[in-house]
Amino acid sequence: MREAELDDLWRYVDAAVERARNQGEDASIISGLVRLRGIVMEAHDLAGDGAV
């Protein structure tokens, strides 16, 4: 994936985290989304460094 695509993906996941929190979702769902957001950020950093 390109860095710009990962930017978009990060925004989608970040919005899902906020939506889940606002809707009072179960902590395990929120935790999973937060973890996914972190993974996307790691991928973004790797893409930016040219590692992928």
N, C-alpha and C. Protein backbone atom coordinates (compact mmCIF):
# COMPACT_ATOMS: atom_id res chain seq x y z
N MET A 1 0.84 -1.18 0.00
CA MET A 1 0.00 0.00 0.00
C MET A 1 0.89 1.24 0.00
N ARG A 2 0.35 2.27 -0.57
CA ARG A 2 1.06 3.54 -0.55
C ARG A 2 0.79 4.27 0.76
N GLU A 3 1.67 5.19 1.09
CA GLU A 3 1.54 5.95 2.33
C GLU A 3 0.21 6.70 2.38
N ALA A 4 -0.22 7.27 1.27
CA ALA A 4 -1.48 8.01 1.23
C ALA A 4 -2.67 7.10 1.52
N GLU A 5 -2.63 5.89 1.02
CA GLU A 5 -3.71 4.93 1.29
C GLU A 5 -3.73 4.56 2.77
N LEU A 6 -2.56 4.46 3.36
CA LEU A 6 -2.49 4.15 4.79
C LEU A 6 -2.98 5.33 5.63
N ASP A 7 -2.77 6.56 5.14
CA ASP A 7 -3.34 7.73 5.81
C ASP A 7 -4.86 7.60 5.88
N ASP A 8 -5.46 7.25 4.74
CA ASP A 8 -6.91 7.09 4.69
C ASP A 8 -7.38 5.99 5.63
N LEU A 9 -6.68 4.87 5.60
CA LEU A 9 -7.05 3.76 6.46
C LEU A 9 -6.96 4.16 7.93
N TRP A 10 -5.91 4.89 8.30
CA TRP A 10 -5.76 5.34 9.68
C TRP A 10 -6.94 6.22 10.08
N ARG A 11 -7.35 7.12 9.19
CA ARG A 11 -8.50 7.99 9.51
C ARG A 11 -9.78 7.18 9.70
N TYR A 12 -9.99 6.18 8.87
CA TYR A 12 -11.18 5.33 9.02
C TYR A 12 -11.17 4.59 10.35
N VAL A 13 -10.02 4.03 10.70
CA VAL A 13 -9.93 3.28 11.96
C VAL A 13 -10.04 4.23 13.14
N ASP A 14 -9.42 5.40 13.05
CA ASP A 14 -9.51 6.37 14.13
C ASP A 14 -10.96 6.80 14.36
N ALA A 15 -11.69 7.01 13.28
CA ALA A 15 -13.11 7.36 13.39
C ALA A 15 -13.90 6.22 14.02
N ALA A 16 -13.55 4.99 13.68
CA ALA A 16 -14.23 3.82 14.27
C ALA A 16 -13.96 3.73 15.76
N VAL A 17 -12.74 4.07 16.18
CA VAL A 17 -12.42 4.08 17.61
C VAL A 17 -13.30 5.09 18.33
N GLU A 18 -13.36 6.30 17.80
CA GLU A 18 -14.16 7.35 18.44
C GLU A 18 -15.64 6.98 18.46
N ARG A 19 -16.13 6.43 17.36
CA ARG A 19 -17.54 6.02 17.28
C ARG A 19 -17.84 4.94 18.31
N ALA A 20 -16.94 3.98 18.43
CA ALA A 20 -17.13 2.89 19.40
C ALA A 20 -17.15 3.43 20.82
N ARG A 21 -16.25 4.35 21.12
CA ARG A 21 -16.23 4.95 22.46
C ARG A 21 -17.52 5.72 22.73
N ASN A 22 -17.93 6.52 21.76
CA ASN A 22 -19.14 7.33 21.92
C ASN A 22 -20.40 6.48 22.07
N GLN A 23 -20.41 5.31 21.45
CA GLN A 23 -21.57 4.44 21.51
C GLN A 23 -21.52 3.47 22.67
N GLY A 24 -20.46 3.56 23.48
CA GLY A 24 -20.34 2.70 24.66
C GLY A 24 -20.10 1.24 24.33
N GLU A 25 -19.36 1.00 23.26
CA GLU A 25 -19.05 -0.39 22.88
C GLU A 25 -18.23 -1.08 23.97
N ASP A 26 -18.23 -2.38 23.91
CA ASP A 26 -17.47 -3.20 24.84
C ASP A 26 -15.98 -2.84 24.77
N ALA A 27 -15.32 -2.90 25.92
CA ALA A 27 -13.90 -2.55 25.99
C ALA A 27 -13.04 -3.40 25.06
N SER A 28 -13.42 -4.65 24.84
CA SER A 28 -12.62 -5.51 23.97
C SER A 28 -12.69 -5.05 22.51
N ILE A 29 -13.82 -4.52 22.10
CA ILE A 29 -13.96 -3.99 20.74
C ILE A 29 -13.10 -2.75 20.58
N ILE A 30 -13.19 -1.86 21.57
CA ILE A 30 -12.39 -0.64 21.52
C ILE A 30 -10.90 -0.98 21.53
N SER A 31 -10.52 -1.90 22.38
CA SER A 31 -9.12 -2.32 22.46
C SER A 31 -8.63 -2.87 21.13
N GLY A 32 -9.45 -3.67 20.48
CA GLY A 32 -9.08 -4.22 19.18
C GLY A 32 -8.91 -3.15 18.12
N LEU A 33 -9.80 -2.16 18.15
CA LEU A 33 -9.69 -1.07 17.19
C LEU A 33 -8.45 -0.22 17.45
N VAL A 34 -8.16 0.02 18.72
CA VAL A 34 -6.97 0.79 19.06
C VAL A 34 -5.71 0.04 18.61
N ARG A 35 -5.72 -1.27 18.81
CA ARG A 35 -4.59 -2.09 18.36
C ARG A 35 -4.45 -2.03 16.84
N LEU A 36 -5.56 -2.12 16.13
CA LEU A 36 -5.53 -2.02 14.67
C LEU A 36 -4.99 -0.67 14.23
N ARG A 37 -5.42 0.39 14.91
CA ARG A 37 -4.93 1.73 14.58
C ARG A 37 -3.40 1.80 14.73
N GLY A 38 -2.88 1.18 15.77
CA GLY A 38 -1.44 1.14 15.97
C GLY A 38 -0.71 0.38 14.88
N ILE A 39 -1.30 -0.72 14.46
CA ILE A 39 -0.70 -1.52 13.38
C ILE A 39 -0.68 -0.73 12.08
N VAL A 40 -1.76 -0.02 11.80
CA VAL A 40 -1.82 0.81 10.60
C VAL A 40 -0.75 1.89 10.66
N MET A 41 -0.56 2.48 11.84
CA MET A 41 0.46 3.53 11.97
C MET A 41 1.87 2.95 11.75
N GLU A 42 2.10 1.76 12.26
CA GLU A 42 3.40 1.11 12.03
C GLU A 42 3.63 0.87 10.54
N ALA A 43 2.60 0.39 9.85
CA ALA A 43 2.70 0.16 8.41
C ALA A 43 2.95 1.48 7.68
N HIS A 44 2.28 2.52 8.11
CA HIS A 44 2.47 3.85 7.52
C HIS A 44 3.92 4.29 7.66
N ASP A 45 4.46 4.12 8.86
CA ASP A 45 5.85 4.51 9.10
C ASP A 45 6.81 3.70 8.23
N LEU A 46 6.55 2.42 8.10
CA LEU A 46 7.40 1.58 7.24
C LEU A 46 7.32 2.02 5.78
N ALA A 47 6.12 2.33 5.33
CA ALA A 47 5.95 2.78 3.95
C ALA A 47 6.68 4.11 3.73
N GLY A 48 6.60 4.98 4.73
CA GLY A 48 7.26 6.27 4.62
C GLY A 48 8.78 6.15 4.59
N ASP A 49 9.29 5.12 5.26
CA ASP A 49 10.73 4.88 5.28
C ASP A 49 11.19 4.08 4.07
N GLY A 50 10.25 3.66 3.23
CA GLY A 50 10.59 2.86 2.06
C GLY A 50 10.89 1.42 2.38
N ALA A 51 10.46 0.96 3.55
CA ALA A 51 10.76 -0.41 3.98
C ALA A 51 9.81 -1.43 3.38
N VAL A 52 8.71 -0.98 2.82
CA VAL A 52 7.76 -1.91 2.20
C VAL A 52 7.48 -1.51 0.78
